[in-house]
């Protein structure tokens, strides 16, 4: 059974290494490994950011990572949790790490008083969508008619 834990500051390199693999998975080469590590270290100092790690069993090292961000919401009068990133190494997929990370994220959000947890996923990422749907996430989570859509735009310096 997969295990999860809240990453400690001394695990910043582990978190950054997994996030660099996530970057590589999408065929990107930026940010650099050093930039990822520096950002992870900085975010670990922010009480509104947490990283969770997962391993397939007690005898293995971290093979998956999840980044959580918290922000106060006017609409729920409580914090919201944004499940910003979730990555599991290719050879550890289907070991339960992904589901364990999502469950741990929901537990952390509840413990912090969140009334909502949100995420985005590419519509072509069928395995991720299947996992999120199985864990109770929906494109209609806000209760209003129609699908909830995540929109974004790049800003050039």
N, C-alpha and C. Protein backbone atom coordinates (compact mmCIF):
# COMPACT_ATOMS: atom_id res chain seq x y z
N UNK A 1 0.84 -1.18 0.00
CA UNK A 1 0.00 0.00 0.00
C UNK A 1 0.89 1.25 0.00
N UNK A 2 0.56 2.20 -0.86
CA UNK A 2 1.35 3.42 -0.97
C UNK A 2 1.26 4.24 0.31
N UNK A 3 2.35 4.89 0.64
CA UNK A 3 2.38 5.77 1.80
C UNK A 3 2.68 7.19 1.33
N UNK A 4 2.17 8.15 2.06
CA UNK A 4 2.40 9.56 1.76
C UNK A 4 2.87 10.27 3.02
N UNK A 5 3.55 11.40 2.81
CA UNK A 5 3.97 12.22 3.94
C UNK A 5 4.19 13.65 3.46
N UNK A 6 4.11 14.56 4.42
CA UNK A 6 4.36 15.96 4.17
C UNK A 6 5.87 16.14 4.04
N UNK A 7 6.30 16.70 2.93
CA UNK A 7 7.74 16.88 2.70
C UNK A 7 8.30 17.89 3.69
N UNK A 8 9.44 17.55 4.25
CA UNK A 8 10.15 18.43 5.17
C UNK A 8 11.16 19.27 4.37
N UNK A 9 11.59 20.39 4.92
CA UNK A 9 12.56 21.24 4.21
C UNK A 9 13.81 20.49 3.73
N UNK A 10 14.25 19.48 4.49
CA UNK A 10 15.44 18.74 4.07
C UNK A 10 15.16 17.79 2.90
N UNK A 11 13.90 17.74 2.43
CA UNK A 11 13.54 16.92 1.28
C UNK A 11 13.32 17.78 0.03
N UNK A 12 13.77 19.03 0.07
CA UNK A 12 13.60 19.93 -1.08
C UNK A 12 14.23 19.35 -2.35
N UNK A 13 15.38 18.74 -2.24
CA UNK A 13 16.03 18.16 -3.43
C UNK A 13 15.21 17.02 -4.00
N UNK A 14 14.60 16.22 -3.16
CA UNK A 14 13.74 15.13 -3.63
C UNK A 14 12.53 15.69 -4.36
N UNK A 15 11.88 16.69 -3.75
CA UNK A 15 10.73 17.34 -4.39
C UNK A 15 11.15 17.92 -5.74
N UNK A 16 12.24 18.67 -5.74
CA UNK A 16 12.70 19.32 -6.97
C UNK A 16 13.07 18.29 -8.04
N UNK A 17 13.67 17.20 -7.65
CA UNK A 17 14.02 16.15 -8.61
C UNK A 17 12.79 15.55 -9.27
N UNK A 18 11.75 15.31 -8.49
CA UNK A 18 10.51 14.77 -9.06
C UNK A 18 9.83 15.80 -9.96
N UNK A 19 9.86 17.07 -9.57
CA UNK A 19 9.26 18.11 -10.42
C UNK A 19 10.06 18.29 -11.71
N UNK A 20 11.37 18.11 -11.65
CA UNK A 20 12.19 18.17 -12.87
C UNK A 20 11.82 17.02 -13.81
N UNK A 21 11.55 15.85 -13.24
CA UNK A 21 11.08 14.73 -14.08
C UNK A 21 9.73 15.05 -14.71
N UNK A 22 8.87 15.72 -13.96
CA UNK A 22 7.56 16.15 -14.48
C UNK A 22 7.77 17.09 -15.67
N UNK A 23 8.68 18.05 -15.52
CA UNK A 23 9.03 18.96 -16.61
C UNK A 23 9.51 18.16 -17.83
N UNK A 24 10.40 17.21 -17.60
CA UNK A 24 10.94 16.39 -18.69
C UNK A 24 9.85 15.57 -19.35
N UNK A 25 8.90 15.08 -18.56
CA UNK A 25 7.78 14.28 -19.08
C UNK A 25 7.03 15.05 -20.16
N UNK A 26 6.93 16.36 -20.00
CA UNK A 26 6.24 17.19 -20.98
C UNK A 26 7.16 17.73 -22.06
N UNK A 27 8.40 17.24 -22.10
CA UNK A 27 9.33 17.63 -23.16
C UNK A 27 9.85 19.05 -23.03
N UNK A 28 9.82 19.58 -21.86
CA UNK A 28 10.31 20.95 -21.63
C UNK A 28 11.75 20.91 -21.13
N UNK A 29 12.45 22.03 -21.27
CA UNK A 29 13.80 22.11 -20.72
C UNK A 29 13.96 23.32 -19.80
N UNK A 30 12.88 24.01 -19.53
CA UNK A 30 12.89 25.14 -18.62
C UNK A 30 11.70 25.04 -17.68
N UNK A 31 11.80 25.38 -16.44
CA UNK A 31 12.97 25.94 -15.77
C UNK A 31 14.07 24.89 -15.56
N UNK A 32 15.27 25.40 -15.35
CA UNK A 32 16.41 24.51 -15.12
C UNK A 32 16.25 23.77 -13.79
N UNK A 33 17.04 22.72 -13.63
CA UNK A 33 17.01 21.97 -12.37
C UNK A 33 17.31 22.90 -11.19
N UNK A 34 18.32 23.78 -11.36
CA UNK A 34 18.67 24.71 -10.28
C UNK A 34 17.55 25.68 -9.98
N UNK A 35 16.86 26.16 -11.02
CA UNK A 35 15.74 27.09 -10.81
C UNK A 35 14.59 26.38 -10.09
N UNK A 36 14.34 25.14 -10.46
CA UNK A 36 13.28 24.39 -9.77
C UNK A 36 13.63 24.22 -8.30
N UNK A 37 14.87 23.83 -8.01
CA UNK A 37 15.28 23.64 -6.62
C UNK A 37 15.16 24.95 -5.84
N UNK A 38 15.64 26.04 -6.39
CA UNK A 38 15.58 27.33 -5.70
C UNK A 38 14.13 27.73 -5.43
N UNK A 39 13.24 27.47 -6.39
CA UNK A 39 11.83 27.81 -6.21
C UNK A 39 11.18 26.91 -5.16
N UNK A 40 11.48 25.63 -5.20
CA UNK A 40 10.93 24.71 -4.20
C UNK A 40 11.38 25.13 -2.80
N UNK A 41 12.66 25.45 -2.64
CA UNK A 41 13.15 25.88 -1.33
C UNK A 41 12.43 27.14 -0.86
N UNK A 42 12.21 28.06 -1.77
CA UNK A 42 11.50 29.29 -1.42
C UNK A 42 10.04 29.00 -1.05
N UNK A 43 9.38 28.16 -1.85
CA UNK A 43 7.99 27.83 -1.57
C UNK A 43 7.83 27.05 -0.27
N UNK A 44 8.81 26.25 0.07
CA UNK A 44 8.73 25.49 1.33
C UNK A 44 8.75 26.42 2.55
N UNK A 45 9.24 27.64 2.37
CA UNK A 45 9.22 28.63 3.44
C UNK A 45 7.86 29.32 3.55
N UNK A 46 7.02 29.19 2.53
CA UNK A 46 5.72 29.84 2.48
C UNK A 46 4.69 28.95 3.17
N UNK A 47 4.06 29.42 4.24
CA UNK A 47 3.08 28.57 4.94
C UNK A 47 1.83 28.26 4.10
N UNK A 48 1.66 28.93 2.97
CA UNK A 48 0.51 28.67 2.10
C UNK A 48 0.82 27.65 1.01
N UNK A 49 1.98 27.01 1.09
CA UNK A 49 2.39 25.98 0.13
C UNK A 49 2.86 24.75 0.88
N UNK A 50 2.45 23.59 0.39
CA UNK A 50 2.92 22.32 0.95
C UNK A 50 3.24 21.36 -0.19
N UNK A 51 4.18 20.48 0.08
CA UNK A 51 4.49 19.39 -0.84
C UNK A 51 4.24 18.08 -0.12
N UNK A 52 3.59 17.17 -0.81
CA UNK A 52 3.41 15.82 -0.32
C UNK A 52 4.26 14.89 -1.16
N UNK A 53 4.81 13.86 -0.54
CA UNK A 53 5.58 12.84 -1.24
C UNK A 53 4.89 11.50 -1.06
N UNK A 54 5.13 10.60 -2.02
CA UNK A 54 4.53 9.27 -1.94
C UNK A 54 5.54 8.22 -2.40
N UNK A 55 5.43 7.05 -1.79
CA UNK A 55 6.22 5.88 -2.17
C UNK A 55 5.28 4.70 -2.26
N UNK A 56 5.55 3.76 -3.17
CA UNK A 56 4.66 2.60 -3.32
C UNK A 56 4.53 1.76 -2.06
N UNK A 57 5.58 1.72 -1.23
CA UNK A 57 5.51 0.98 0.04
C UNK A 57 6.54 1.56 1.01
N UNK A 58 6.58 1.02 2.19
CA UNK A 58 7.46 1.55 3.25
C UNK A 58 8.94 1.41 2.94
N UNK A 59 9.30 0.49 2.05
CA UNK A 59 10.72 0.22 1.78
C UNK A 59 11.28 1.07 0.64
N UNK A 60 10.45 1.88 -0.01
CA UNK A 60 10.92 2.66 -1.16
C UNK A 60 11.00 4.14 -0.84
N UNK A 61 11.82 4.82 -1.63
CA UNK A 61 11.93 6.27 -1.52
C UNK A 61 10.78 6.92 -2.28
N UNK A 62 10.70 8.22 -2.16
CA UNK A 62 9.62 8.96 -2.82
C UNK A 62 9.65 8.74 -4.33
N UNK A 63 8.49 8.43 -4.87
CA UNK A 63 8.35 8.21 -6.31
C UNK A 63 7.28 9.12 -6.91
N UNK A 64 6.60 9.89 -6.04
CA UNK A 64 5.57 10.81 -6.49
C UNK A 64 5.56 12.05 -5.63
N UNK A 65 5.04 13.14 -6.21
CA UNK A 65 5.00 14.42 -5.52
C UNK A 65 3.69 15.14 -5.85
N UNK A 66 3.24 15.95 -4.92
CA UNK A 66 2.04 16.75 -5.09
C UNK A 66 2.31 18.11 -4.47
N UNK A 67 1.98 19.17 -5.19
CA UNK A 67 2.12 20.53 -4.67
C UNK A 67 0.75 21.10 -4.36
N UNK A 68 0.61 21.62 -3.16
CA UNK A 68 -0.65 22.21 -2.72
C UNK A 68 -0.44 23.68 -2.40
N UNK A 69 -1.40 24.52 -2.80
CA UNK A 69 -1.37 25.95 -2.48
C UNK A 69 -2.69 26.30 -1.84
N UNK A 70 -2.64 27.17 -0.86
CA UNK A 70 -3.83 27.57 -0.13
C UNK A 70 -4.05 29.07 -0.28
N UNK A 71 -5.34 29.46 -0.42
CA UNK A 71 -5.70 30.87 -0.52
C UNK A 71 -7.10 31.06 0.05
N UNK A 72 -7.32 32.17 0.68
CA UNK A 72 -8.61 32.47 1.28
C UNK A 72 -9.62 32.80 0.18
N UNK A 73 -10.82 32.25 0.30
CA UNK A 73 -11.87 32.47 -0.69
C UNK A 73 -13.02 33.27 -0.08
N UNK A 74 -13.44 34.30 -0.78
CA UNK A 74 -14.63 35.06 -0.39
C UNK A 74 -15.86 34.17 -0.47
N UNK A 75 -15.91 33.27 -1.46
CA UNK A 75 -17.11 32.50 -1.77
C UNK A 75 -17.35 31.34 -0.83
N UNK A 76 -16.33 30.91 -0.12
CA UNK A 76 -16.53 29.84 0.87
C UNK A 76 -16.24 30.33 2.29
N UNK A 77 -15.75 31.58 2.42
CA UNK A 77 -15.37 32.15 3.72
C UNK A 77 -14.39 31.23 4.45
N UNK A 78 -13.54 30.59 3.67
CA UNK A 78 -12.54 29.67 4.20
C UNK A 78 -11.43 29.55 3.17
N UNK A 79 -10.36 28.88 3.53
CA UNK A 79 -9.32 28.67 2.53
C UNK A 79 -9.78 27.70 1.43
N UNK A 80 -9.27 27.90 0.23
CA UNK A 80 -9.37 26.93 -0.86
C UNK A 80 -8.02 26.25 -0.99
N UNK A 81 -8.03 25.03 -1.45
CA UNK A 81 -6.79 24.32 -1.75
C UNK A 81 -6.69 24.15 -3.26
N UNK A 82 -5.56 24.50 -3.82
CA UNK A 82 -5.29 24.30 -5.24
C UNK A 82 -4.26 23.18 -5.33
N UNK A 83 -4.67 22.05 -5.91
CA UNK A 83 -3.76 20.94 -6.16
C UNK A 83 -3.04 21.30 -7.45
N UNK A 84 -1.88 21.95 -7.30
CA UNK A 84 -1.22 22.57 -8.45
C UNK A 84 -0.49 21.57 -9.34
N UNK A 85 0.19 20.64 -8.75
CA UNK A 85 0.94 19.65 -9.53
C UNK A 85 0.84 18.30 -8.85
N UNK A 86 0.77 17.25 -9.67
CA UNK A 86 0.83 15.88 -9.16
C UNK A 86 1.60 15.07 -10.20
N UNK A 87 2.65 14.42 -9.76
CA UNK A 87 3.47 13.62 -10.67
C UNK A 87 3.91 12.35 -9.96
N UNK A 88 3.84 11.24 -10.69
CA UNK A 88 4.35 9.95 -10.23
C UNK A 88 5.27 9.41 -11.32
N UNK A 89 6.45 8.95 -10.91
CA UNK A 89 7.40 8.40 -11.87
C UNK A 89 6.75 7.28 -12.68
N UNK A 90 7.14 7.18 -13.95
CA UNK A 90 6.49 6.25 -14.88
C UNK A 90 6.46 4.82 -14.35
N UNK A 91 7.57 4.33 -13.81
CA UNK A 91 7.59 2.93 -13.36
C UNK A 91 6.92 2.73 -12.01
N UNK A 92 6.41 3.81 -11.39
CA UNK A 92 5.66 3.68 -10.13
C UNK A 92 4.17 3.93 -10.34
N UNK A 93 3.79 4.22 -11.57
CA UNK A 93 2.37 4.44 -11.82
C UNK A 93 1.61 3.12 -11.66
N UNK A 94 0.38 3.23 -11.27
CA UNK A 94 -0.49 2.09 -10.98
C UNK A 94 -0.07 1.36 -9.70
N UNK A 95 0.77 2.03 -8.88
CA UNK A 95 1.16 1.46 -7.60
C UNK A 95 0.31 2.01 -6.46
N UNK A 96 -0.58 2.92 -6.78
CA UNK A 96 -1.41 3.56 -5.77
C UNK A 96 -0.88 4.89 -5.29
N UNK A 97 0.28 5.29 -5.79
CA UNK A 97 0.87 6.56 -5.34
C UNK A 97 -0.01 7.76 -5.72
N UNK A 98 -0.53 7.78 -6.93
CA UNK A 98 -1.35 8.91 -7.35
C UNK A 98 -2.60 9.06 -6.50
N UNK A 99 -3.32 7.97 -6.31
CA UNK A 99 -4.53 8.01 -5.48
C UNK A 99 -4.19 8.37 -4.04
N UNK A 100 -3.08 7.86 -3.54
CA UNK A 100 -2.68 8.17 -2.17
C UNK A 100 -2.34 9.66 -2.04
N UNK A 101 -1.71 10.23 -3.05
CA UNK A 101 -1.40 11.66 -3.01
C UNK A 101 -2.68 12.50 -3.05
N UNK A 102 -3.63 12.13 -3.90
CA UNK A 102 -4.89 12.89 -3.96
C UNK A 102 -5.63 12.77 -2.64
N UNK A 103 -5.69 11.59 -2.08
CA UNK A 103 -6.37 11.41 -0.79
C UNK A 103 -5.67 12.21 0.30
N UNK A 104 -4.35 12.18 0.33
CA UNK A 104 -3.59 12.95 1.32
C UNK A 104 -3.80 14.44 1.12
N UNK A 105 -3.90 14.88 -0.14
CA UNK A 105 -4.16 16.30 -0.42
C UNK A 105 -5.52 16.71 0.14
N UNK A 106 -6.52 15.86 -0.04
CA UNK A 106 -7.85 16.18 0.50
C UNK A 106 -7.82 16.22 2.03
N UNK A 107 -7.08 15.30 2.63
CA UNK A 107 -6.96 15.29 4.09
C UNK A 107 -6.27 16.54 4.59
N UNK A 108 -5.18 16.96 3.93
CA UNK A 108 -4.46 18.18 4.32
C UNK A 108 -5.37 19.39 4.18
N UNK A 109 -6.13 19.45 3.08
CA UNK A 109 -7.04 20.57 2.86
C UNK A 109 -8.10 20.63 3.95
N UNK A 110 -8.69 19.49 4.28
CA UNK A 110 -9.68 19.46 5.36
C UNK A 110 -9.07 19.91 6.68
N UNK A 111 -7.87 19.45 6.98
CA UNK A 111 -7.19 19.79 8.22
C UNK A 111 -6.92 21.29 8.32
N UNK A 112 -6.75 21.93 7.17
CA UNK A 112 -6.50 23.37 7.16
C UNK A 112 -7.80 24.18 7.06
N UNK A 113 -8.95 23.51 7.12
CA UNK A 113 -10.23 24.19 7.11
C UNK A 113 -10.77 24.53 5.73
N UNK A 114 -10.19 23.94 4.70
CA UNK A 114 -10.65 24.21 3.33
C UNK A 114 -12.03 23.60 3.10
N UNK A 115 -12.82 24.29 2.33
CA UNK A 115 -14.14 23.78 1.96
C UNK A 115 -14.18 23.39 0.50
N UNK A 116 -13.06 23.61 -0.20
CA UNK A 116 -13.01 23.28 -1.63
C UNK A 116 -11.56 22.96 -1.99
N UNK A 117 -11.41 21.99 -2.87
CA UNK A 117 -10.10 21.68 -3.46
C UNK A 117 -10.30 21.65 -4.97
N UNK A 118 -9.41 22.31 -5.69
CA UNK A 118 -9.52 22.41 -7.14
C UNK A 118 -8.20 22.05 -7.80
N UNK A 119 -8.27 21.74 -9.07
CA UNK A 119 -7.09 21.41 -9.86
C UNK A 119 -7.42 21.64 -11.32
N UNK A 120 -6.40 21.59 -12.15
CA UNK A 120 -6.65 21.57 -13.58
C UNK A 120 -5.90 20.38 -14.17
N UNK A 121 -6.42 19.88 -15.26
CA UNK A 121 -5.79 18.76 -15.97
C UNK A 121 -6.09 18.91 -17.45
N UNK A 122 -5.14 18.54 -18.27
CA UNK A 122 -5.34 18.60 -19.71
C UNK A 122 -6.38 17.56 -20.12
N UNK A 123 -7.31 17.96 -20.98
CA UNK A 123 -8.38 17.06 -21.38
C UNK A 123 -7.88 15.83 -22.13
N UNK A 124 -6.64 15.87 -22.63
CA UNK A 124 -6.07 14.71 -23.32
C UNK A 124 -5.34 13.76 -22.37
N UNK A 125 -5.25 14.13 -21.09
CA UNK A 125 -4.56 13.30 -20.11
C UNK A 125 -5.56 12.35 -19.46
N UNK A 126 -5.95 11.34 -20.23
CA UNK A 126 -6.99 10.40 -19.78
C UNK A 126 -6.66 9.71 -18.46
N UNK A 127 -5.43 9.25 -18.24
CA UNK A 127 -5.15 8.59 -16.95
C UNK A 127 -5.36 9.54 -15.76
N UNK A 128 -4.91 10.78 -15.89
CA UNK A 128 -5.09 11.73 -14.78
C UNK A 128 -6.57 12.02 -14.57
N UNK A 129 -7.30 12.25 -15.65
CA UNK A 129 -8.73 12.53 -15.52
C UNK A 129 -9.46 11.35 -14.89
N UNK A 130 -9.09 10.15 -15.27
CA UNK A 130 -9.73 8.97 -14.68
C UNK A 130 -9.47 8.92 -13.17
N UNK A 131 -8.24 9.20 -12.77
CA UNK A 131 -7.91 9.23 -11.35
C UNK A 131 -8.73 10.29 -10.63
N UNK A 132 -8.75 11.50 -11.15
CA UNK A 132 -9.47 12.59 -10.49
C UNK A 132 -10.97 12.32 -10.43
N UNK A 133 -11.53 11.79 -11.50
CA UNK A 133 -12.97 11.46 -11.47
C UNK A 133 -13.24 10.38 -10.42
N UNK A 134 -12.37 9.37 -10.37
CA UNK A 134 -12.54 8.29 -9.40
C UNK A 134 -12.46 8.83 -7.97
N UNK A 135 -11.71 9.92 -7.78
CA UNK A 135 -11.55 10.51 -6.45
C UNK A 135 -12.62 11.56 -6.16
N UNK A 136 -13.60 11.71 -7.06
CA UNK A 136 -14.73 12.59 -6.81
C UNK A 136 -14.66 13.97 -7.42
N UNK A 137 -13.62 14.26 -8.19
CA UNK A 137 -13.51 15.57 -8.85
C UNK A 137 -14.42 15.59 -10.07
N UNK A 138 -14.91 16.78 -10.40
CA UNK A 138 -15.85 16.92 -11.50
C UNK A 138 -15.66 18.25 -12.20
N UNK A 139 -16.05 18.29 -13.45
CA UNK A 139 -16.05 19.53 -14.21
C UNK A 139 -17.22 20.42 -13.80
N UNK A 140 -18.03 19.95 -12.89
CA UNK A 140 -19.20 20.70 -12.41
C UNK A 140 -19.15 20.80 -10.88
N UNK A 141 -18.01 21.15 -10.35
CA UNK A 141 -17.82 21.14 -8.90
C UNK A 141 -18.43 22.33 -8.18
N UNK A 142 -18.70 23.42 -8.86
CA UNK A 142 -19.18 24.62 -8.18
C UNK A 142 -20.69 24.64 -8.00
N UNK A 143 -21.40 23.69 -8.60
CA UNK A 143 -22.84 23.60 -8.41
C UNK A 143 -23.66 24.46 -9.36
N UNK A 144 -23.00 25.25 -10.17
CA UNK A 144 -23.71 26.07 -11.15
C UNK A 144 -23.93 25.26 -12.43
N UNK A 145 -24.92 25.64 -13.23
CA UNK A 145 -25.10 24.95 -14.52
C UNK A 145 -23.86 25.11 -15.40
N UNK A 146 -23.60 24.13 -16.21
CA UNK A 146 -22.46 24.18 -17.14
C UNK A 146 -21.18 23.67 -16.50
N UNK A 147 -20.21 23.43 -17.38
CA UNK A 147 -18.92 22.93 -16.93
C UNK A 147 -18.07 24.07 -16.38
N UNK A 148 -17.27 23.77 -15.35
CA UNK A 148 -16.28 24.72 -14.87
C UNK A 148 -15.09 24.65 -15.82
N UNK A 149 -14.59 25.77 -16.25
CA UNK A 149 -13.43 25.82 -17.15
C UNK A 149 -12.31 26.58 -16.48
N UNK A 150 -11.10 26.10 -16.65
CA UNK A 150 -9.92 26.79 -16.17
C UNK A 150 -9.34 27.53 -17.36
N UNK A 151 -9.15 28.81 -17.22
CA UNK A 151 -8.60 29.63 -18.30
C UNK A 151 -7.27 30.22 -17.86
N UNK A 152 -6.39 30.44 -18.80
CA UNK A 152 -5.10 31.04 -18.49
C UNK A 152 -4.55 31.78 -19.69
N UNK A 153 -3.54 32.57 -19.42
CA UNK A 153 -2.86 33.32 -20.48
C UNK A 153 -1.43 33.55 -20.06
N UNK A 154 -0.51 33.34 -20.97
CA UNK A 154 0.88 33.63 -20.70
C UNK A 154 1.09 35.14 -20.75
N UNK A 155 1.94 35.64 -19.87
CA UNK A 155 2.32 37.04 -19.85
C UNK A 155 3.79 37.13 -20.18
N UNK A 156 4.12 37.86 -21.19
CA UNK A 156 5.52 38.04 -21.58
C UNK A 156 6.10 39.22 -20.80
N UNK A 157 7.36 39.09 -20.35
CA UNK A 157 7.97 40.20 -19.60
C UNK A 157 8.20 41.42 -20.47
